[in-house]
């Protein structure tokens, strides 16, 4: 395999292009055996990302904090009147 001087798509090398959304073929200059295509959603459908429990906790905590702050300022405003 000859060295081209360019990092492979999706590699961790600095300046590497993003990973391809299709399998690499011989036309790409790869001599690696072609593997099965990754499982993707049918055309027109967008698959939802996997839920992240930490992100959910942060969102719910932010909502709870916002509700508590609004209640606190509403009580202070009614006491000042």
C-alpha atoms as a PDB file:
ATOM      1  CA  UNK A   1       0.000   0.000   0.000  1.00  0.00           C
ATOM      2  CA  UNK A   2       1.511   3.338  -0.938  1.00  0.00           C
ATOM      3  CA  UNK A   3       1.570   6.306   1.397  1.00  0.00           C
ATOM      4  CA  UNK A   4      -0.309   9.385   0.106  1.00  0.00           C
ATOM      5  CA  UNK A   5       0.466  11.770   2.963  1.00  0.00           C
ATOM      6  CA  UNK A   6      -3.200  12.467   3.699  1.00  0.00           C
ATOM      7  CA  UNK A   7      -4.948  11.159   6.839  1.00  0.00           C
ATOM      8  CA  UNK A   8      -7.753   8.669   6.330  1.00  0.00           C
ATOM      9  CA  UNK A   9     -11.345   9.928   6.710  1.00  0.00           C
ATOM     10  CA  UNK A  10     -12.526   9.521  10.271  1.00  0.00           C
ATOM     11  CA  UNK A  11      -9.021   8.890  11.676  1.00  0.00           C
ATOM     12  CA  UNK A  12      -7.750  10.583  14.823  1.00  0.00           C
ATOM     13  CA  UNK A  13      -4.903  12.290  12.905  1.00  0.00           C
ATOM     14  CA  UNK A  14      -4.978  16.103  12.958  1.00  0.00           C
ATOM     15  CA  UNK A  15      -6.636  17.560   9.864  1.00  0.00           C
ATOM     16  CA  UNK A  16      -8.404  14.314   8.969  1.00  0.00           C
ATOM     17  CA  UNK A  17     -11.700  14.735   7.108  1.00  0.00           C
ATOM     18  CA  UNK A  18     -14.904  13.493   8.753  1.00  0.00           C
ATOM     19  CA  UNK A  19     -15.831   9.832   8.485  1.00  0.00           C
ATOM     20  CA  UNK A  20     -17.571   8.709   5.310  1.00  0.00           C
ATOM     21  CA  UNK A  21     -21.274   7.888   5.410  1.00  0.00           C
ATOM     22  CA  UNK A  22     -20.737   4.977   3.051  1.00  0.00           C
ATOM     23  CA  UNK A  23     -18.396   2.014   2.911  1.00  0.00           C
ATOM     24  CA  UNK A  24     -14.946   2.557   1.412  1.00  0.00           C
ATOM     25  CA  UNK A  25     -14.574   0.953  -2.031  1.00  0.00           C
ATOM     26  CA  UNK A  26     -11.666   0.177  -4.343  1.00  0.00           C
ATOM     27  CA  UNK A  27     -12.504   3.361  -6.283  1.00  0.00           C
ATOM     28  CA  UNK A  28     -11.480   5.293  -3.158  1.00  0.00           C
ATOM     29  CA  UNK A  29      -7.982   3.845  -3.457  1.00  0.00           C
ATOM     30  CA  UNK A  30      -8.499   1.299  -0.703  1.00  0.00           C
ATOM     31  CA  UNK A  31      -7.275  -2.268  -1.058  1.00  0.00           C
ATOM     32  CA  UNK A  32      -9.081  -3.306   2.132  1.00  0.00           C
ATOM     33  CA  UNK A  33     -11.866  -5.857   1.645  1.00  0.00           C
ATOM     34  CA  UNK A  34     -15.303  -4.319   1.290  1.00  0.00           C
ATOM     35  CA  UNK A  35     -17.447  -4.881   4.366  1.00  0.00           C
ATOM     36  CA  UNK A  36     -21.189  -4.768   4.759  1.00  0.00           C
ATOM     37  CA  UNK A  37     -22.727  -1.314   4.844  1.00  0.00           C
ATOM     38  CA  UNK A  38     -23.620  -0.010   8.312  1.00  0.00           C
ATOM     39  CA  UNK A  39     -27.254  -0.298   9.338  1.00  0.00           C
ATOM     40  CA  UNK A  40     -29.038   2.945   8.513  1.00  0.00           C
ATOM     41  CA  UNK A  41     -32.599   4.146   8.601  1.00  0.00           C
ATOM     42  CA  UNK A  42     -34.582   3.837   5.354  1.00  0.00           C
ATOM     43  CA  UNK A  43     -34.516   6.881   3.078  1.00  0.00           C
ATOM     44  CA  UNK A  44     -36.644   9.711   4.401  1.00  0.00           C
ATOM     45  CA  UNK A  45     -36.537   8.530   8.020  1.00  0.00           C
ATOM     46  CA  UNK A  46     -34.251  10.067  10.623  1.00  0.00           C
ATOM     47  CA  UNK A  47     -33.223   7.851  13.498  1.00  0.00           C
ATOM     48  CA  UNK A  48     -33.363   9.450  16.928  1.00  0.00           C
ATOM     49  CA  UNK A  49     -30.124   9.635  18.896  1.00  0.00           C
ATOM     50  CA  UNK A  50     -29.768   7.418  21.933  1.00  0.00           C
ATOM     51  CA  UNK A  51     -31.032   9.174  25.076  1.00  0.00           C
ATOM     52  CA  UNK A  52     -28.297  10.480  27.341  1.00  0.00           C
ATOM     53  CA  UNK A  53     -29.258  10.168  31.038  1.00  0.00           C
ATOM     54  CA  UNK A  54     -26.881  12.954  32.102  1.00  0.00           C
ATOM     55  CA  UNK A  55     -28.333  15.403  29.579  1.00  0.00           C
ATOM     56  CA  UNK A  56     -31.852  14.494  30.721  1.00  0.00           C
ATOM     57  CA  UNK A  57     -30.862  15.113  34.356  1.00  0.00           C
ATOM     58  CA  UNK A  58     -29.391  18.517  33.493  1.00  0.00           C
ATOM     59  CA  UNK A  59     -32.488  19.556  31.530  1.00  0.00           C
ATOM     60  CA  UNK A  60     -34.879  18.465  34.273  1.00  0.00           C
ATOM     61  CA  UNK A  61     -32.730  20.121  36.949  1.00  0.00           C
ATOM     62  CA  UNK A  62     -32.679  23.360  34.947  1.00  0.00           C
ATOM     63  CA  UNK A  63     -36.461  23.319  34.590  1.00  0.00           C
ATOM     64  CA  UNK A  64     -36.901  22.687  38.321  1.00  0.00           C
ATOM     65  CA  UNK A  65     -34.474  25.496  39.173  1.00  0.00           C
ATOM     66  CA  UNK A  66     -36.283  27.885  36.828  1.00  0.00           C
ATOM     67  CA  UNK A  67     -39.646  27.069  38.397  1.00  0.00           C
ATOM     68  CA  UNK A  68     -38.281  27.564  41.918  1.00  0.00           C
ATOM     69  CA  UNK A  69     -36.692  30.899  40.975  1.00  0.00           C
ATOM     70  CA  UNK A  70     -39.896  32.125  39.357  1.00  0.00           C
ATOM     71  CA  UNK A  71     -41.849  31.154  42.494  1.00  0.00           C
ATOM     72  CA  UNK A  72     -39.271  32.906  44.702  1.00  0.00           C
ATOM     73  CA  UNK A  73     -39.415  36.162  42.725  1.00  0.00           C
ATOM     74  CA  UNK A  74     -43.213  36.045  42.489  1.00  0.00           C
ATOM     75  CA  UNK A  75     -43.466  35.745  46.300  1.00  0.00           C
ATOM     76  CA  UNK A  76     -41.001  38.623  46.796  1.00  0.00           C
ATOM     77  CA  UNK A  77     -42.910  40.791  44.333  1.00  0.00           C
ATOM     78  CA  UNK A  78     -46.227  40.161  46.113  1.00  0.00           C
ATOM     79  CA  UNK A  79     -44.631  40.915  49.523  1.00  0.00           C
ATOM     80  CA  UNK A  80     -43.282  44.270  48.262  1.00  0.00           C
ATOM     81  CA  UNK A  81     -46.743  45.484  47.160  1.00  0.00           C
END
